[in-house]
């Protein structure tokens, strides 16, 4: 590919789940805070991070197996993308957030701290998850107002065929949702 945005550093590797991951280094300006020569996070191969767009892995964030980061999506801190998971559009993973399985996270979604998203879950629009939220199964979360956020925090588990749409803060900080459709509207 012509005009690659990064290269893999063979002299700077780590091992995760028995796989060798390579630190990335910018070959050109990627976005306003990633300049030529700047080192980023770790990937197993170029298949994990698009050579196009403004997507990037910072710090010690990792993407491996068949996971894919593209668009303007970003991983920060110790965030992990693995399995066949996809992070796209302007989604962000922070802290020790993990997206795995066949989960897809897009829009302007923001996942932080110890959030885990897996299974075939789909997050799109403006969704914010924080603390110890776990999303799995075929859950579908959509923040459907671009100026407001669907915010879920605490020790909340969202599993099965659960569908959550709307905006506002989910009122129960220690909930288990296993199926059904929930419409959340609040004053954010």
Protein backbone atom coordinates (compact mmCIF):
# COMPACT_ATOMS: atom_id res chain seq x y z
CA UNK A 1 0.00 0.00 0.00
CA UNK A 2 1.22 3.44 -0.91
CA UNK A 3 1.47 6.12 1.79
CA UNK A 4 1.14 3.82 4.82
CA UNK A 5 0.36 5.59 8.07
CA UNK A 6 2.32 3.27 10.37
CA UNK A 7 4.80 0.42 10.53
CA UNK A 8 5.25 -2.48 12.94
CA UNK A 9 8.31 -2.25 15.22
CA UNK A 10 9.91 -5.69 15.33
CA UNK A 11 12.25 -4.49 18.09
CA UNK A 12 9.37 -3.62 20.46
CA UNK A 13 7.01 -6.53 21.08
CA UNK A 14 4.83 -7.99 23.83
CA UNK A 15 3.01 -11.32 24.12
CA UNK A 16 -0.74 -11.49 24.83
CA UNK A 17 -2.62 -14.78 24.95
CA UNK A 18 0.38 -16.50 23.34
CA UNK A 19 0.45 -14.06 20.40
CA UNK A 20 3.28 -11.69 19.56
CA UNK A 21 2.14 -8.09 19.22
CA UNK A 22 4.20 -5.30 17.65
CA UNK A 23 4.30 -1.66 18.69
CA UNK A 24 3.19 0.68 15.90
CA UNK A 25 5.07 3.77 14.77
CA UNK A 26 3.57 6.58 12.67
CA UNK A 27 5.10 7.04 9.21
CA UNK A 28 3.15 10.27 8.64
CA UNK A 29 0.81 12.56 10.53
CA UNK A 30 -2.23 10.47 11.41
CA UNK A 31 -4.30 13.02 13.32
CA UNK A 32 -3.73 16.23 15.28
CA UNK A 33 -1.85 14.45 18.11
CA UNK A 34 -0.05 11.66 16.23
CA UNK A 35 2.94 12.85 14.23
CA UNK A 36 5.61 11.13 12.14
CA UNK A 37 7.82 8.92 14.31
CA UNK A 38 5.40 8.76 17.24
CA UNK A 39 4.97 5.32 18.78
CA UNK A 40 1.54 3.92 19.52
CA UNK A 41 0.05 0.77 21.01
CA UNK A 42 0.38 -2.84 19.85
CA UNK A 43 -1.13 -4.93 17.04
CA UNK A 44 -0.59 -8.50 15.94
CA UNK A 45 -0.56 -7.56 12.26
CA UNK A 46 -1.50 -4.79 9.85
CA UNK A 47 -4.90 -6.48 9.52
CA UNK A 48 -5.76 -5.14 13.01
CA UNK A 49 -5.40 -1.40 12.26
CA UNK A 50 -6.43 0.27 9.02
CA UNK A 51 -3.69 2.09 7.13
CA UNK A 52 -6.34 4.65 6.15
CA UNK A 53 -8.26 7.18 8.21
CA UNK A 54 -7.37 8.57 11.62
CA UNK A 55 -7.72 5.41 13.70
CA UNK A 56 -4.92 4.82 16.21
CA UNK A 57 -3.82 2.88 19.28
CA UNK A 58 -2.14 4.92 22.03
CA UNK A 59 -0.11 3.98 25.08
CA UNK A 60 -0.17 0.18 25.66
CA UNK A 61 -3.54 -0.48 24.02
CA UNK A 62 -3.74 -3.71 21.98
CA UNK A 63 -5.63 -5.09 18.98
CA UNK A 64 -5.07 -8.70 17.95
CA UNK A 65 -6.48 -11.94 16.57
CA UNK A 66 -9.00 -10.88 13.87
CA UNK A 67 -9.98 -7.61 15.59
CA UNK A 68 -10.11 -4.47 13.42
CA UNK A 69 -9.78 -0.74 14.17
CA UNK A 70 -10.77 1.71 11.42
CA UNK A 71 -12.27 5.11 10.64
CA UNK A 72 -11.41 7.56 13.42
CA UNK A 73 -11.65 4.98 16.22
CA UNK A 74 -9.05 5.06 19.00
CA UNK A 75 -7.80 2.86 21.83
CA UNK A 76 -6.07 4.39 24.88
CA UNK A 77 -4.33 3.19 28.03
CA UNK A 78 -4.53 -0.61 28.36
CA UNK A 79 -7.70 -1.05 26.30
CA UNK A 80 -7.95 -4.31 24.33
CA UNK A 81 -9.71 -5.26 21.10
CA UNK A 82 -9.57 -8.99 20.30
CA UNK A 83 -11.40 -11.87 18.69
CA UNK A 84 -13.37 -10.73 15.65
CA UNK A 85 -14.40 -7.48 17.31
CA UNK A 86 -14.57 -4.24 15.35
CA UNK A 87 -14.06 -0.65 16.53
CA UNK A 88 -15.02 1.92 13.91
CA UNK A 89 -16.31 5.41 13.14
CA UNK A 90 -15.34 7.67 16.11
CA UNK A 91 -15.58 5.10 18.91
CA UNK A 92 -13.08 5.22 21.81
CA UNK A 93 -11.86 2.57 24.26
CA UNK A 94 -10.10 3.82 27.40
CA UNK A 95 -8.60 2.45 30.59
CA UNK A 96 -8.81 -1.33 30.72
CA UNK A 97 -11.92 -1.65 28.55
CA UNK A 98 -12.16 -4.86 26.50
CA UNK A 99 -14.15 -5.49 23.32
CA UNK A 100 -14.06 -9.11 22.17
CA UNK A 101 -15.96 -11.87 20.41
CA UNK A 102 -17.83 -10.55 17.39
CA UNK A 103 -18.87 -7.29 19.06
CA UNK A 104 -19.08 -4.12 16.97
CA UNK A 105 -18.63 -0.69 18.55
CA UNK A 106 -19.14 2.41 16.41
CA UNK A 107 -20.63 5.88 16.33
CA UNK A 108 -19.17 8.09 19.05
CA UNK A 109 -19.34 5.32 21.66
CA UNK A 110 -17.06 5.75 24.68
CA UNK A 111 -16.05 2.78 26.84
CA UNK A 112 -13.92 3.30 29.93
CA UNK A 113 -12.47 1.65 33.03
CA UNK A 114 -13.35 -2.08 33.34
CA UNK A 115 -16.11 -2.29 30.70
CA UNK A 116 -16.32 -5.59 28.80
CA UNK A 117 -18.30 -5.92 25.57
CA UNK A 118 -18.47 -9.33 23.89
CA UNK A 119 -20.62 -11.86 22.11
CA UNK A 120 -22.36 -10.33 19.10
CA UNK A 121 -23.21 -7.09 20.88
CA UNK A 122 -23.60 -3.92 18.81
CA UNK A 123 -23.08 -0.40 20.16
CA UNK A 124 -23.74 2.56 17.91
CA UNK A 125 -24.60 6.21 18.12
CA UNK A 126 -23.62 8.06 21.28
CA UNK A 127 -23.23 5.32 23.93
CA UNK A 128 -21.08 5.76 27.07
CA UNK A 129 -20.24 2.81 29.33
CA UNK A 130 -18.17 3.13 32.49
CA UNK A 131 -17.06 1.31 35.63
CA UNK A 132 -17.91 -2.43 35.54
CA UNK A 133 -20.54 -2.66 32.79
CA UNK A 134 -20.65 -5.98 30.93
CA UNK A 135 -22.48 -6.24 27.60
CA UNK A 136 -22.84 -9.59 25.83
CA UNK A 137 -25.04 -11.94 23.86
CA UNK A 138 -26.80 -10.11 21.05
CA UNK A 139 -27.43 -6.93 23.04
CA UNK A 140 -27.94 -3.80 20.96
CA UNK A 141 -27.29 -0.38 22.52
CA UNK A 142 -27.98 2.75 20.57
CA UNK A 143 -27.67 6.35 21.66
CA UNK A 144 -30.10 7.73 19.12
CA UNK A 145 -29.68 11.46 19.79
CA UNK A 146 -26.29 12.63 18.49
CA UNK A 147 -26.16 15.54 20.95
CA UNK A 148 -26.99 13.41 24.02
CA UNK A 149 -25.54 10.22 25.43
CA UNK A 150 -26.95 6.88 26.53
CA UNK A 151 -24.91 6.53 29.74
CA UNK A 152 -24.68 3.25 31.67
CA UNK A 153 -22.42 2.74 34.66
CA UNK A 154 -21.90 0.64 37.79
CA UNK A 155 -22.05 -3.16 37.98
CA UNK A 156 -24.60 -3.49 35.20
CA UNK A 157 -24.86 -6.62 33.01
CA UNK A 158 -26.67 -6.40 29.66
CA UNK A 159 -27.13 -9.81 28.05
CA UNK A 160 -29.19 -11.82 25.58
CA UNK A 161 -31.38 -10.01 23.05
CA UNK A 162 -31.59 -6.79 25.06
CA UNK A 163 -32.18 -3.62 23.05
CA UNK A 164 -31.57 -0.23 24.66
CA UNK A 165 -32.22 3.01 22.82
CA UNK A 166 -32.50 6.63 23.74
CA UNK A 167 -30.53 9.02 25.90
CA UNK A 168 -30.03 9.71 29.57
CA UNK A 169 -28.52 7.74 32.44
CA UNK A 170 -29.64 4.19 33.16
CA UNK A 171 -31.09 4.56 36.67
CA UNK A 172 -29.94 1.31 38.30
CA UNK A 173 -26.23 1.01 39.02
CA UNK A 174 -26.40 -2.73 39.85
CA UNK A 175 -28.77 -4.24 37.30
CA UNK A 176 -28.96 -7.36 35.17
CA UNK A 177 -30.92 -6.96 31.92
CA UNK A 178 -31.38 -10.20 30.00
CA UNK A 179 -33.93 -9.59 27.25
CA UNK A 180 -36.43 -7.05 26.10
CA UNK A 181 -36.48 -3.53 24.74
CA UNK A 182 -35.76 -0.57 27.00
CA UNK A 183 -36.27 3.04 25.98
CA UNK A 184 -34.34 5.47 28.13
CA UNK A 185 -35.06 9.18 28.10
CA UNK A 186 -33.64 11.61 30.59
CA UNK A 187 -32.28 15.05 31.22
CA UNK A 188 -28.67 14.93 30.11
